[in-house]
Structures are given as C-alpha cells and as structure tokens.
Amino acid sequence: MTNAIIVNNLKFNYGNQQVLQDVSFEVQPGKVVGLIGENGAGKTTLLKILLGLLKTNMKVSILGHRPGMSQSVASMFQGDLKLPGVKVGEILAEVAAQYPNPKAPQTVLKELNLSDLAHHYLNDLSGGQLRRVTFAMTLVSNASLIFLDEPTVGMDVNARQDFWINVDRMKNEGKTILITSHYLEEIQQTADQILILKDGKIEFDGTLNELQKQYLTTQISFETKREGSIFRKLTQVQAIKQTGNKIKISSTNGDATLRDLVPYLKEIQHLNIIDASLENIFQTITRGEKTMQKMIEQLKFDGKRLIFRNYGFVFFSLLMPTAFYILFTQINRVQIKTFSAEYMGSMMVYSILITAIMGVGNFMERDRNQGLITLLKITNRNLNHYYISICFWSLMMNIFTIVILGTTAIMINHVDLSTMQWVTILGLVWLGQTPLLLLGIAISHVKRQETLTILGNLITFPVAILSGLWWPIQILPQWAQNIGNKLPTYFLNDMISSTVNNAKINWNDVWGLGVWIVGLVAAMTVGTIITRQKGRLARG
C-alpha cells in the first residue's frame, strides 16, 4: 500500500533564509500524526508545501500524486473565513461541491452540534463558533488526507473535547490526519506518530513510546519544608523546580532517584510519580535553544542599560580616572618613564572599583527594589541569565576602561607595552574584578538607595586610598599600609604594576585575591541560607 505522505530530503528557502533542511518522513494511511515544533520551526511552511501552496522541485508525494494534484485532501488552517453575507449552511454546501464524495452538510452540522447555526451569517459568529464551522468545512469534504493546523485555538473546553471525539471517529474511518497543535497533551493522547521539527529539521520521527525511551525522564513531585537544593544530590536528577513548599524533580532514572529519596519520605507529602509527557520531552529537546535565546535577549537588554545608556559609567568609570591619570602624570613628569605606566594600572583598578561598587551595586539595587528581579524570578524561575549578563557587561566595561586608559597612556605619555603585557593585564582585570563584583552584588541588597550611596562612598574612596591607587602606598602611615596591603585592589594593582615593569607576578597577590573570592562567596552563601530560613519561618 502506498504511503499517504512521502517526503525525501526536502529543502526550502525564503530568499536567503533556509526554513527547511533535509526534511524526510513517511506517513502510512489511516494514521494520526502530530507535528510539533516551536514558532518559526517551519511547521506552517511544511504544511503549505504538502498542500501544494508553496512549490518545490523536491520529491514530495501526497496520496501518490504531486502536492495539490489530489482531490482527496482537505485542510483546516489557523485563519477562519468570515465572509460577509454568507450563511453557515451555504459555505458548507460550497465546500462540499468541490469534492467528489462529500458528506451531506446537514449531517456534519448534526455531528458537531451546529445545526442551530445553519442559517446564521459567518460574520455574526463568535470566534469559537467560527472555529467549529471551519472544522465542519474540513469534515464535509470527506477527504482521505486531512491537515489540521492549530485546529483547537479559540475553542472552549467542551468544543475541544467534541473536536477530538470527531478526530477519533475520522481515524476509525481510516482517514489519515496530520495535526499541528500547541496543546501537546491532546496530541499525546491521539497521535500514532510524532514528528518534532526543530530549526527546520526533523528532530524525532516515531511513536510516543519510542520518544519516551529515547528521553528517559520521570517527573517526581511532592511537598516538603526542606530546601529544594538538598535533593539535587539524588541520583540521576536532571532538574529541580521549587515553588514554595512544592518541589518537582526531573530524573533520567526514576527508580534510582526514588531509592535515594527514601530517607526523606517522613518529611514529604503528596508524592506523585509520572513518566515524562510529550510536553516535558518537547521542552527538554528545545531547552538548549530557548536558554540561548533568553541569554542573548538578557545580554542585549542589559548592554543597552549598563553601557550605551549609562552616562554615569561614562563619567565616573571612564572620564574621571582618565582625567586623574592625565593630571597626575603631567604633574610628575620627572618620574614619567616609571610612573606613567604604573599609574595607568592604578587608574584601571580604580575604575574597576567604581564600576563594581558604585555602578553594578547601584544598578542591581535599583533592579531589585523596582521589581525587575522579582519579574525575572516569576518568568524564568531563576536568575542565572541575569547574573551572567551583569558579569559579562561588567567585564566589557572594564575592557573599555583598559582601551581608553591604554590609548591615553600611549598617546600622551608614550607608554610602550608589548602585546603579551596587554593580554596579561586583560587577564588580571578579569580575575581582579571578581571579588569587587561580588562585593557590589552583596551591597546591592541594601534596601534604600540613599543608604547604598553612603555605603558605596565609604567603601570606594577609603579602599582607593589605602590600597595605593591615588598615591603610592609607601607614603601612608604603617597602620594604614598594614590594612591596605590586604585589600583586593592592592593585590590587583600590584600584579598590574609587576606586568608593566616586566617583573614576575607575586603569587601572594594571586592567593590574596583567591582568599577574598572564596570568603565573599562563602559569606554570600551563608547570607542567602539565613534569608531563606527566615522566609520559611515567616511563612510558618
């Protein structure tokens, strides 16, 4: 028996944009096929090719004919015909006249409980009623092969139930049906064959059971007062989602995870275990792409705010350190050969300090207190993209600082460093910004802008003085030197100074920065745990 649909190595472009790439699949007669994919994956384009609405030279067979040549094909597209001056019964009669063996319009109206709408005008119908009439237009064709593109959009719950009853009826009559839908649970219950289209390619072609075997995932959900993070160490845990006391675990080996869960059974309630649904698997398949899209959008969003529309950064982190550099190096012309390169490094560190404490700290405090971070928690359920984006743009701001100060030093004071020295400075800046950035993130939790401004000033300027960024640390009192040479800005400044003078980097500086990073991470972790504990106690 000839397959109802045969597609071999189908490619299709809109101009220079490739929409479909080497798409191949076959559909046997009498099968219900679910075609799923994200918006823009190419589903509608593929349907139009199968219906002959888009021409292609590739090999595509529909009921043994080229697309558009068979008289036993019907379709239900997303758009509805809302023709003025046309009644429901009349449009069904018009459609029936186009097919060799149609159903009687009255019979179809009765099957869909639409008989009372037969004499209503199309443009008087509600959206849900019009959608059901569009389905009736498909049924009246009595075609052997039926394409349904998002058929239940706009239907209420009862109408959707009636729709799937009729799909089952058509399946029992031996008709071949290809359906696209965002209601994946409905596809799961009906489809004999599932096609997953991703980036214009068939990512999967097979049955639901085959898909579940390929993506072995079990969903384990329960309620507990324990922190969700303790369950991450369970065997084969893929992901954890916590909402209040409710926890949902995705496991690649449900049995193994459940065995590890046994010691916690006394502390959990309402335990529920289900195999992965089509929706769960679809999200797993597309998660990487979605994650990258979210990350790109977050980077674009924060880049505009942090750099291109942040005039405070331009003044305080770029122009002010550059002006200080020009002023002090021109005053100290006697020492210019040794002083100008070192002081360039000091102003780079000063700029990094301002960016982290006065820039990122204030920026994140504003995001937190004005509700952006709450919005991200609601939409993404985590803040990873946000923090990664902040760190990325912080580094980019510091790179701008290196470029501006470096260019100034070269043009005004003729500082001459090798490529390797500049690369080393860049690496040191990446390392040295970490503790300062962590400190900026920590103080951003201050609830009042005025308090944060005062705190930022109390950190930035004493640290700059004590660590020798404005003038040599050696001229400070001994007690001040003992404090200053333990600050992260001192370690970073000392390493950059060694680099510009072609001296070996002091490993004590590296260890010092490491201690600051570990200490701040530990302190912030403890603070987060305490805050969450207080929150749970407050909720009872």
Protein backbone atom coordinates (compact mmCIF):
# COMPACT_ATOMS: atom_id res chain seq x y z
CA MET A 1 0.00 0.00 0.00
CA THR A 2 1.33 3.43 -0.98
CA ASN A 3 2.11 5.72 1.94
CA ALA A 4 -0.20 8.71 2.27
CA ILE A 5 2.72 11.14 2.59
CA ILE A 6 6.30 10.68 1.39
CA VAL A 7 8.89 13.43 1.85
CA ASN A 8 12.53 12.92 0.86
CA ASN A 9 15.33 15.40 1.65
CA LEU A 10 13.05 18.42 1.41
CA LYS A 11 14.76 21.82 1.45
CA PHE A 12 13.06 25.19 1.23
CA ASN A 13 14.29 28.78 1.40
CA TYR A 14 12.60 32.15 1.67
CA GLY A 15 15.16 34.17 -0.24
CA ASN A 16 18.46 33.63 1.56
CA GLN A 17 16.78 32.27 4.69
CA GLN A 18 16.74 28.49 4.89
CA VAL A 19 13.49 27.32 6.50
CA LEU A 20 13.54 23.55 5.91
CA GLN A 21 16.71 21.44 5.77
CA ASP A 22 16.77 17.81 4.56
CA VAL A 23 13.30 17.01 5.91
CA SER A 24 12.39 13.34 5.33
CA PHE A 25 9.49 11.30 6.69
CA GLU A 26 6.66 8.99 5.64
CA VAL A 27 3.09 8.62 6.89
CA GLN A 28 1.10 5.43 6.49
CA PRO A 29 -2.60 5.57 5.55
CA GLY A 30 -5.03 5.72 8.45
CA LYS A 31 -2.53 7.20 10.91
CA VAL A 32 -2.85 10.32 13.05
CA VAL A 33 0.39 12.31 13.00
CA GLY A 34 1.28 15.06 15.45
CA LEU A 35 3.65 17.67 14.01
CA ILE A 36 5.08 19.82 16.78
CA GLY A 37 7.74 22.48 16.95
CA GLU A 38 8.35 25.95 18.27
CA ASN A 39 7.14 29.06 16.46
CA GLY A 40 9.42 29.60 13.50
CA ALA A 41 10.48 25.95 13.29
CA GLY A 42 8.93 25.63 9.81
CA LYS A 43 5.65 23.81 10.54
CA THR A 44 3.36 26.10 8.53
CA THR A 45 5.82 26.21 5.63
CA LEU A 46 5.92 22.41 5.56
CA LEU A 47 2.10 22.21 5.57
CA LYS A 48 1.87 24.66 2.68
CA ILE A 49 4.34 22.58 0.66
CA LEU A 50 2.38 19.38 1.36
CA LEU A 51 -0.80 21.13 0.21
CA GLY A 52 0.85 22.48 -2.94
CA LEU A 53 0.52 26.12 -1.86
CA LEU A 54 4.32 26.52 -1.99
CA LYS A 55 6.09 24.98 -4.97
CA THR A 56 9.28 22.94 -4.69
CA ASN A 57 11.26 20.69 -7.01
CA MET A 58 12.00 18.26 -4.21
CA LYS A 59 10.37 14.84 -4.07
CA VAL A 60 7.10 15.08 -2.17
CA SER A 61 4.25 12.62 -2.70
CA ILE A 62 0.68 13.13 -1.42
CA LEU A 63 -1.58 10.09 -1.92
CA GLY A 64 0.64 9.08 -4.83
CA HIS A 65 0.45 12.49 -6.52
CA ARG A 66 2.37 15.72 -6.52
CA PRO A 67 1.18 18.18 -3.86
CA GLY A 68 -2.00 19.99 -4.94
CA MET A 69 -2.99 17.36 -7.51
CA SER A 70 -5.14 15.04 -5.35
CA GLN A 71 -8.87 15.67 -4.94
CA SER A 72 -8.98 13.84 -1.64
CA VAL A 73 -7.04 16.31 0.51
CA ALA A 74 -8.58 18.83 2.89
CA SER A 75 -7.11 21.30 5.31
CA MET A 76 -8.03 23.44 8.29
CA PHE A 77 -5.74 26.42 8.62
CA GLN A 78 -5.43 28.80 11.56
CA GLY A 79 -7.38 31.58 9.86
CA ASP A 80 -11.17 31.41 9.61
CA LEU A 81 -13.35 32.55 6.70
CA LYS A 82 -15.52 35.37 8.00
CA LEU A 83 -17.24 36.18 4.73
CA PRO A 84 -19.97 38.84 4.98
CA GLY A 85 -23.38 37.90 3.58
CA VAL A 86 -22.68 34.14 3.65
CA LYS A 87 -24.53 31.70 5.90
CA VAL A 88 -23.01 28.65 7.59
CA GLY A 89 -25.05 26.16 5.56
CA GLU A 90 -24.12 27.94 2.33
CA ILE A 91 -20.37 27.83 2.91
CA LEU A 92 -20.57 24.12 3.75
CA ALA A 93 -22.52 23.46 0.56
CA GLU A 94 -19.91 25.40 -1.42
CA VAL A 95 -17.06 23.33 0.06
CA ALA A 96 -18.93 20.06 -0.50
CA ALA A 97 -19.34 20.91 -4.17
CA GLN A 98 -15.54 20.92 -4.58
CA TYR A 99 -15.06 17.25 -3.63
CA PRO A 100 -16.05 14.06 -5.46
CA ASN A 101 -17.53 12.24 -2.47
CA PRO A 102 -18.53 14.78 0.19
CA LYS A 103 -20.62 14.34 3.29
CA ALA A 104 -24.02 15.99 3.46
CA PRO A 105 -23.66 19.41 5.15
CA GLN A 106 -26.68 18.69 7.35
CA THR A 107 -25.01 15.50 8.62
CA VAL A 108 -21.81 17.31 9.52
CA LEU A 109 -23.70 20.10 11.29
CA LYS A 110 -25.54 17.49 13.35
CA GLU A 111 -22.33 15.63 14.23
CA LEU A 112 -20.76 18.86 15.50
CA ASN A 113 -23.91 20.13 17.26
CA LEU A 114 -24.02 23.11 14.91
CA SER A 115 -27.46 22.60 13.36
CA ASP A 116 -28.85 25.70 15.08
CA LEU A 117 -26.17 27.82 13.32
CA ALA A 118 -27.00 26.66 9.77
CA HIS A 119 -28.85 29.88 8.91
CA HIS A 120 -26.54 32.25 10.78
CA TYR A 121 -24.21 34.56 8.86
CA LEU A 122 -20.49 33.84 9.25
CA ASN A 123 -19.68 37.40 10.31
CA ASP A 124 -22.21 37.15 13.15
CA LEU A 125 -20.48 34.17 14.80
CA SER A 126 -18.19 34.29 17.82
CA GLY A 127 -14.57 33.25 17.47
CA GLY A 128 -15.21 29.84 19.00
CA GLN A 129 -18.27 29.21 16.81
CA LEU A 130 -16.38 30.26 13.69
CA ARG A 131 -13.57 27.85 14.54
CA ARG A 132 -16.02 24.97 14.81
CA VAL A 133 -17.55 25.93 11.45
CA THR A 134 -14.07 25.89 9.92
CA PHE A 135 -13.67 22.33 11.22
CA ALA A 136 -17.06 21.47 9.73
CA MET A 137 -15.80 22.71 6.35
CA THR A 138 -12.96 20.18 6.65
CA LEU A 139 -15.26 17.31 7.64
CA VAL A 140 -17.74 17.93 4.85
CA SER A 141 -15.01 17.20 2.30
CA ASN A 142 -14.86 13.55 3.40
CA ALA A 143 -11.23 13.64 2.21
CA SER A 144 -8.81 10.76 2.75
CA LEU A 145 -5.98 13.01 3.94
CA ILE A 146 -6.68 15.91 6.29
CA PHE A 147 -4.31 18.62 7.53
CA LEU A 148 -5.28 20.42 10.74
CA ASP A 149 -3.15 23.46 11.65
CA GLU A 150 -3.71 24.56 15.28
CA PRO A 151 -7.34 23.39 15.00
CA THR A 152 -8.48 23.97 18.60
CA VAL A 153 -7.22 27.54 19.04
CA GLY A 154 -10.17 29.64 20.18
CA MET A 155 -12.32 26.65 21.14
CA ASP A 156 -13.62 26.28 24.68
CA VAL A 157 -13.11 23.08 26.70
CA ASN A 158 -16.33 21.40 25.52
CA ALA A 159 -15.67 22.27 21.88
CA ARG A 160 -12.15 20.84 22.13
CA GLN A 161 -13.50 17.61 23.60
CA ASP A 162 -16.02 17.32 20.76
CA PHE A 163 -13.24 18.05 18.26
CA TRP A 164 -11.06 15.17 19.47
CA ILE A 165 -14.06 12.81 19.51
CA ASN A 166 -14.53 13.60 15.84
CA VAL A 167 -10.82 13.11 15.15
CA ASP A 168 -11.10 9.63 16.68
CA ARG A 169 -14.15 8.98 14.51
CA MET A 170 -12.25 10.00 11.36
CA LYS A 171 -9.34 7.80 12.43
CA ASN A 172 -11.71 4.83 12.77
CA GLU A 173 -12.96 5.58 9.26
CA GLY A 174 -9.39 5.07 8.01
CA LYS A 175 -8.56 8.68 7.26
CA THR A 176 -5.00 10.00 7.52
CA ILE A 177 -4.70 13.10 9.67
CA LEU A 178 -1.73 15.41 10.24
CA ILE A 179 -2.19 17.84 13.14
CA THR A 180 -0.13 20.71 14.48
CA SER A 181 -1.07 21.97 17.93
CA HIS A 182 0.36 23.71 20.98
CA TYR A 183 -1.90 21.55 23.16
CA LEU A 184 0.69 18.77 23.40
CA GLU A 185 -1.32 16.76 25.92
CA GLU A 186 -4.07 16.35 23.30
CA ILE A 187 -1.53 15.32 20.65
CA GLN A 188 -0.08 12.78 23.07
CA GLN A 189 -3.45 11.10 23.59
CA THR A 190 -4.30 10.87 19.90
CA ALA A 191 -1.23 10.65 17.67
CA ASP A 192 0.10 7.35 16.32
CA GLN A 193 3.21 9.08 15.00
CA ILE A 194 5.00 12.15 16.33
CA LEU A 195 7.19 14.45 14.24
CA ILE A 196 9.27 17.03 16.12
CA LEU A 197 10.50 19.84 13.88
CA LYS A 198 13.40 21.92 15.20
CA ASP A 199 15.36 24.53 13.27
CA GLY A 200 13.87 23.28 10.01
CA LYS A 201 14.93 19.67 10.61
CA ILE A 202 13.09 16.58 11.82
CA GLU A 203 14.48 16.07 15.32
CA PHE A 204 12.33 12.99 16.00
CA ASP A 205 10.06 10.67 13.98
CA GLY A 206 8.33 7.83 15.81
CA THR A 207 5.77 6.84 18.42
CA LEU A 208 5.34 8.34 21.87
CA ASN A 209 6.70 5.14 23.47
CA GLU A 210 9.84 5.37 21.34
CA LEU A 211 10.21 9.02 22.28
CA GLN A 212 9.87 8.25 25.99
CA LYS A 213 12.50 5.50 25.72
CA GLN A 214 14.85 7.89 23.95
CA TYR A 215 14.33 10.61 26.55
CA LEU A 216 14.12 8.60 29.75
CA THR A 217 12.63 11.13 32.13
CA THR A 218 10.43 10.68 35.17
CA GLN A 219 8.63 13.52 36.92
CA ILE A 220 8.60 13.23 40.73
CA SER A 221 6.65 15.87 42.63
CA PHE A 222 5.90 16.32 46.33
CA GLU A 223 5.56 18.88 49.12
CA THR A 224 8.14 19.42 51.84
CA LYS A 225 9.51 22.09 54.15
CA ARG A 226 13.06 21.09 53.26
CA GLU A 227 15.14 23.27 50.94
CA GLY A 228 14.96 22.04 47.33
CA SER A 229 18.73 22.22 46.87
CA ILE A 230 19.30 19.16 49.10
CA PHE A 231 17.54 16.98 46.52
CA ARG A 232 19.96 17.92 43.73
CA LYS A 233 22.45 15.32 45.01
CA LEU A 234 19.98 12.47 44.42
CA THR A 235 20.98 10.00 41.71
CA GLN A 236 20.14 10.92 38.09
CA VAL A 237 18.41 14.20 38.96
CA GLN A 238 18.26 16.31 35.80
CA ALA A 239 16.44 19.40 37.07
CA ILE A 240 14.61 20.69 40.13
CA LYS A 241 11.87 23.29 40.25
CA GLN A 242 10.64 24.65 43.60
CA THR A 243 7.57 26.81 44.16
CA GLY A 244 7.02 27.44 47.86
CA ASN A 245 6.80 24.03 49.52
CA LYS A 246 6.14 22.24 46.22
CA ILE A 247 9.07 20.54 44.50
CA LYS A 248 9.17 18.94 41.06
CA ILE A 249 12.15 16.73 40.15
CA SER A 250 13.00 15.60 36.62
CA SER A 251 15.02 12.37 36.72
CA THR A 252 16.64 10.33 33.98
CA ASN A 253 16.27 7.23 36.15
CA GLY A 254 13.14 7.37 38.28
CA ASP A 255 13.84 4.14 40.16
CA ALA A 256 17.34 5.22 41.22
CA THR A 257 16.14 8.66 42.29
CA LEU A 258 13.30 7.17 44.34
CA ARG A 259 15.71 4.87 46.18
CA ASP A 260 17.76 7.91 47.21
CA LEU A 261 14.55 9.71 48.22
CA VAL A 262 13.60 7.04 50.79
CA PRO A 263 15.40 8.69 53.79
CA TYR A 264 13.31 11.83 53.24
CA LEU A 265 9.91 10.13 52.97
CA LYS A 266 8.90 11.13 56.50
CA GLU A 267 9.38 14.78 55.55
CA ILE A 268 7.45 14.83 52.29
CA GLN A 269 3.75 14.71 51.44
CA HIS A 270 1.62 14.23 48.32
CA LEU A 271 4.25 12.23 46.44
CA ASN A 272 3.39 11.85 42.75
CA ILE A 273 5.37 9.96 40.07
CA ILE A 274 4.65 10.07 36.33
CA ASP A 275 6.57 9.23 33.17
CA ALA A 276 7.59 12.14 31.01
CA SER A 277 4.79 13.63 28.95
CA LEU A 278 5.17 14.78 25.37
CA GLU A 279 5.28 18.36 26.67
CA ASN A 280 8.11 17.53 29.12
CA ILE A 281 10.16 15.86 26.39
CA PHE A 282 9.49 18.68 23.92
CA GLN A 283 10.74 21.19 26.49
CA THR A 284 13.85 19.04 27.03
CA ILE A 285 14.56 18.95 23.29
CA THR A 286 14.12 22.70 22.84
CA ARG A 287 15.53 23.83 26.21
CA GLY A 288 19.05 24.48 24.93
CA GLU A 289 17.81 26.70 22.13
CA LYS A 290 15.43 28.56 24.45
CA THR A 291 18.18 29.03 27.00
CA MET A 292 20.47 30.57 24.39
CA GLN A 293 17.68 32.84 23.13
CA LYS A 294 16.95 34.02 26.67
CA MET A 295 20.64 34.61 27.30
CA ILE A 296 21.02 36.67 24.13
CA GLU A 297 17.95 38.76 24.96
CA GLN A 298 19.21 39.33 28.50
CA LEU A 299 22.62 40.43 27.19
CA LYS A 300 21.03 42.85 24.72
CA PHE A 301 18.70 44.24 27.39
CA ASP A 302 21.43 44.79 30.00
CA GLY A 303 24.02 46.01 27.50
CA LYS A 304 21.83 48.94 26.50
CA ARG A 305 21.18 49.84 30.14
CA LEU A 306 24.66 49.27 31.57
CA ILE A 307 26.81 50.78 28.85
CA PHE A 308 25.09 52.56 25.97
CA ARG A 309 22.56 54.48 28.11
CA ASN A 310 24.55 54.67 31.34
CA TYR A 311 26.07 58.15 31.43
CA GLY A 312 27.26 57.64 34.99
CA PHE A 313 29.55 54.86 33.76
CA VAL A 314 30.96 57.09 31.05
CA PHE A 315 31.75 59.86 33.54
CA PHE A 316 32.77 58.08 36.73
CA SER A 317 34.35 54.89 35.34
CA LEU A 318 35.91 56.26 32.14
CA LEU A 319 36.33 60.03 32.06
CA MET A 320 37.19 60.66 35.73
CA PRO A 321 40.00 58.03 36.02
CA THR A 322 41.33 59.17 32.64
CA ALA A 323 41.35 62.80 33.79
CA PHE A 324 43.12 61.83 37.04
CA TYR A 325 45.70 59.91 35.02
CA ILE A 326 46.43 62.85 32.73
CA LEU A 327 46.60 65.29 35.65
CA PHE A 328 48.91 63.26 37.89
CA THR A 329 51.25 62.03 35.16
CA GLN A 330 51.72 65.56 33.80
CA ILE A 331 52.48 66.86 37.31
CA ASN A 332 55.03 64.07 37.90
CA ARG A 333 56.95 64.50 34.63
CA VAL A 334 60.26 63.83 36.37
CA GLN A 335 59.25 60.23 37.03
CA ILE A 336 57.26 59.76 33.87
CA LYS A 337 59.13 56.74 32.49
CA THR A 338 58.47 54.64 35.57
CA PHE A 339 55.40 56.37 36.92
CA SER A 340 53.09 56.74 33.92
CA ALA A 341 52.67 53.01 33.18
CA GLU A 342 52.20 52.10 36.85
CA TYR A 343 49.71 54.90 37.42
CA MET A 344 47.80 53.80 34.33
CA GLY A 345 47.35 50.44 36.07
CA SER A 346 46.27 52.16 39.29
CA MET A 347 43.58 54.13 37.45
CA MET A 348 42.40 50.95 35.74
CA VAL A 349 41.92 49.34 39.17
CA TYR A 350 40.22 52.49 40.46
CA SER A 351 37.83 52.41 37.51
CA ILE A 352 37.07 48.72 38.16
CA LEU A 353 36.37 49.56 41.81
CA ILE A 354 33.94 52.35 40.85
CA THR A 355 32.24 50.15 38.25
CA ALA A 356 31.68 47.31 40.72
CA ILE A 357 30.68 49.25 43.84
CA MET A 358 29.13 52.48 42.59
CA GLY A 359 27.98 51.12 39.21
CA VAL A 360 26.90 47.47 39.43
CA GLY A 361 25.93 47.76 43.10
CA ASN A 362 23.59 50.71 42.48
CA PHE A 363 22.33 49.17 39.24
CA MET A 364 21.32 45.88 40.87
CA GLU A 365 19.85 47.65 43.91
CA ARG A 366 17.59 49.59 41.57
CA ASP A 367 16.61 46.42 39.70
CA ARG A 368 15.82 44.69 43.00
CA ASN A 369 13.84 47.49 44.62
CA GLN A 370 11.94 48.47 41.49
CA GLY A 371 10.78 44.90 40.86
CA LEU A 372 12.84 43.72 37.87
CA ILE A 373 14.47 40.85 39.76
CA THR A 374 11.05 39.77 41.06
CA LEU A 375 9.77 39.81 37.47
CA LEU A 376 12.68 37.63 36.33
CA LYS A 377 12.03 35.18 39.17
CA ILE A 378 8.42 34.88 38.08
CA THR A 379 9.19 34.41 34.40
CA ASN A 380 12.44 32.41 34.41
CA ARG A 381 12.26 30.78 37.85
CA ASN A 382 15.97 31.54 38.23
CA LEU A 383 18.34 34.50 37.89
CA ASN A 384 21.27 32.77 36.20
CA HIS A 385 20.89 34.68 32.94
CA TYR A 386 20.64 37.97 34.78
CA TYR A 387 23.79 37.44 36.87
CA ILE A 388 25.78 36.08 33.92
CA SER A 389 24.75 39.11 31.87
CA ILE A 390 25.75 41.53 34.66
CA CYS A 391 29.15 39.84 34.98
CA PHE A 392 29.68 39.84 31.21
CA TRP A 393 28.90 43.53 30.81
CA SER A 394 30.96 44.37 33.88
CA LEU A 395 33.93 42.76 32.16
CA MET A 396 33.13 44.62 28.93
CA MET A 397 33.02 47.91 30.87
CA ASN A 398 36.44 47.12 32.29
CA ILE A 399 37.74 46.29 28.81
CA PHE A 400 36.53 49.72 27.65
CA THR A 401 38.48 51.18 30.57
CA ILE A 402 41.66 49.36 29.50
CA VAL A 403 41.22 50.63 25.92
CA ILE A 404 40.57 54.26 26.93
CA LEU A 405 43.30 54.49 29.58
CA GLY A 406 45.72 52.47 27.48
CA THR A 407 45.18 54.68 24.44
CA THR A 408 45.60 57.81 26.59
CA ALA A 409 48.82 56.48 28.11
CA ILE A 410 50.24 55.64 24.70
CA MET A 411 49.31 58.96 23.08
CA ILE A 412 50.21 61.33 25.93
CA ASN A 413 52.99 59.57 27.84
CA HIS A 414 54.26 57.21 25.12
CA VAL A 415 53.77 54.12 27.29
CA ASP A 416 55.19 51.18 25.34
CA LEU A 417 53.94 47.73 26.33
CA SER A 418 54.13 44.50 24.39
CA THR A 419 51.08 42.61 23.16
CA MET A 420 51.70 39.95 25.81
CA GLN A 421 51.73 42.60 28.54
CA TRP A 422 48.35 43.97 27.38
CA VAL A 423 46.90 40.45 27.22
CA THR A 424 48.21 39.76 30.73
CA ILE A 425 46.61 42.97 32.01
CA LEU A 426 43.31 41.88 30.47
CA GLY A 427 43.53 38.51 32.23
CA LEU A 428 44.40 40.14 35.53
CA VAL A 429 41.44 42.51 35.20
CA TRP A 430 39.15 39.52 34.62
CA LEU A 431 40.47 37.87 37.78
CA GLY A 432 40.70 41.02 39.87
CA GLN A 433 37.19 42.25 39.11
CA THR A 434 35.65 39.10 40.64
CA PRO A 435 35.91 39.98 44.38
CA LEU A 436 34.91 43.59 43.68
CA LEU A 437 31.93 42.45 41.63
CA LEU A 438 30.90 40.06 44.41
CA LEU A 439 31.13 42.93 46.89
CA GLY A 440 28.98 45.09 44.60
CA ILE A 441 26.37 42.34 44.34
CA ALA A 442 26.40 41.90 48.12
CA ILE A 443 25.80 45.57 48.95
CA SER A 444 23.06 45.78 46.28
CA HIS A 445 20.80 44.04 48.82
CA VAL A 446 20.65 47.28 50.81
CA LYS A 447 17.02 48.36 50.67
CA ARG A 448 17.42 52.16 50.39
CA GLN A 449 19.22 53.99 47.60
CA GLU A 450 20.45 56.69 50.00
CA THR A 451 21.99 54.10 52.33
CA LEU A 452 23.66 52.33 49.42
CA THR A 453 25.15 55.59 48.12
CA ILE A 454 26.67 56.34 51.54
CA LEU A 455 27.92 52.76 51.89
CA GLY A 456 29.39 52.82 48.39
CA ASN A 457 31.31 56.02 49.13
CA LEU A 458 32.55 54.61 52.46
CA ILE A 459 33.93 51.60 50.60
CA THR A 460 35.21 53.13 47.35
CA PHE A 461 37.29 56.10 48.46
CA PRO A 462 38.96 54.63 51.61
CA VAL A 463 39.79 51.46 49.64
CA ALA A 464 41.28 53.52 46.80
CA ILE A 465 43.44 55.50 49.24
CA LEU A 466 44.53 52.58 51.45
CA SER A 467 45.47 50.30 48.55
CA GLY A 468 47.66 52.96 46.91
CA LEU A 469 45.56 53.77 43.86
CA TRP A 470 45.72 57.56 44.16
CA TRP A 471 49.28 57.85 45.50
CA PRO A 472 51.97 55.34 46.48
CA ILE A 473 51.01 53.23 49.49
CA GLN A 474 54.51 53.75 50.92
CA ILE A 475 53.73 57.34 51.96
CA LEU A 476 50.83 56.18 54.18
CA PRO A 477 51.24 55.51 57.92
CA GLN A 478 52.32 51.97 58.74
CA TRP A 479 48.95 51.04 60.24
CA ALA A 480 47.25 52.17 57.02
CA GLN A 481 49.73 50.17 54.93
CA ASN A 482 49.00 47.07 57.04
CA ILE A 483 45.33 47.41 56.15
CA GLY A 484 45.83 48.47 52.54
CA ASN A 485 48.14 45.61 51.53
CA LYS A 486 45.39 43.12 52.41
CA LEU A 487 42.75 44.62 50.13
CA PRO A 488 41.84 43.02 46.77
CA THR A 489 42.51 46.31 44.95
CA TYR A 490 46.08 46.30 46.30
CA PHE A 491 46.68 42.73 45.05
CA LEU A 492 45.34 43.59 41.59
CA ASN A 493 47.26 46.88 41.40
CA ASP A 494 50.49 45.18 42.47
CA MET A 495 50.11 42.46 39.80
CA ILE A 496 49.43 45.02 37.04
CA SER A 497 52.43 47.05 38.25
CA SER A 498 54.63 43.94 38.01
CA THR A 499 53.31 43.29 34.49
CA VAL A 500 54.04 46.78 33.12
CA ASN A 501 57.56 46.62 34.62
CA ASN A 502 58.24 43.15 33.15
CA ALA A 503 58.62 41.72 36.64
CA LYS A 504 57.31 38.37 37.89
CA ILE A 505 53.86 38.42 39.42
CA ASN A 506 53.88 37.90 43.18
CA TRP A 507 51.94 34.72 43.94
CA ASN A 508 50.94 36.16 47.29
CA ASP A 509 48.80 38.62 45.31
CA VAL A 510 47.10 35.73 43.49
CA TRP A 511 46.48 33.89 46.74
CA GLY A 512 45.20 37.07 48.32
CA LEU A 513 42.61 37.55 45.58
CA GLY A 514 41.66 33.89 45.88
CA VAL A 515 41.03 34.25 49.61
CA TRP A 516 38.83 37.29 49.01
CA ILE A 517 36.80 35.45 46.34
CA VAL A 518 36.30 32.33 48.48
CA GLY A 519 35.47 34.41 51.57
CA LEU A 520 32.90 36.57 49.78
CA VAL A 521 31.26 33.56 48.09
CA ALA A 522 31.04 31.80 51.46
CA ALA A 523 29.62 34.88 53.20
CA MET A 524 27.03 35.43 50.47
CA THR A 525 26.03 31.74 50.55
CA VAL A 526 25.55 31.83 54.31
CA GLY A 527 23.57 35.06 54.00
CA THR A 528 21.31 33.50 51.36
CA ILE A 529 20.66 30.43 53.52
CA ILE A 530 19.82 32.58 56.54
CA THR A 531 17.47 34.75 54.46
CA ARG A 532 15.65 31.70 53.12
CA GLN A 533 15.35 30.20 56.58
CA LYS A 534 13.84 33.44 57.88
CA GLY A 535 11.45 33.44 54.94
CA ARG A 536 10.26 29.91 55.65
CA LEU A 537 9.79 30.73 59.35
CA ALA A 538 7.79 33.82 58.41
CA ARG A 539 5.53 31.70 56.17
CA GLY A 540 5.01 29.29 59.06
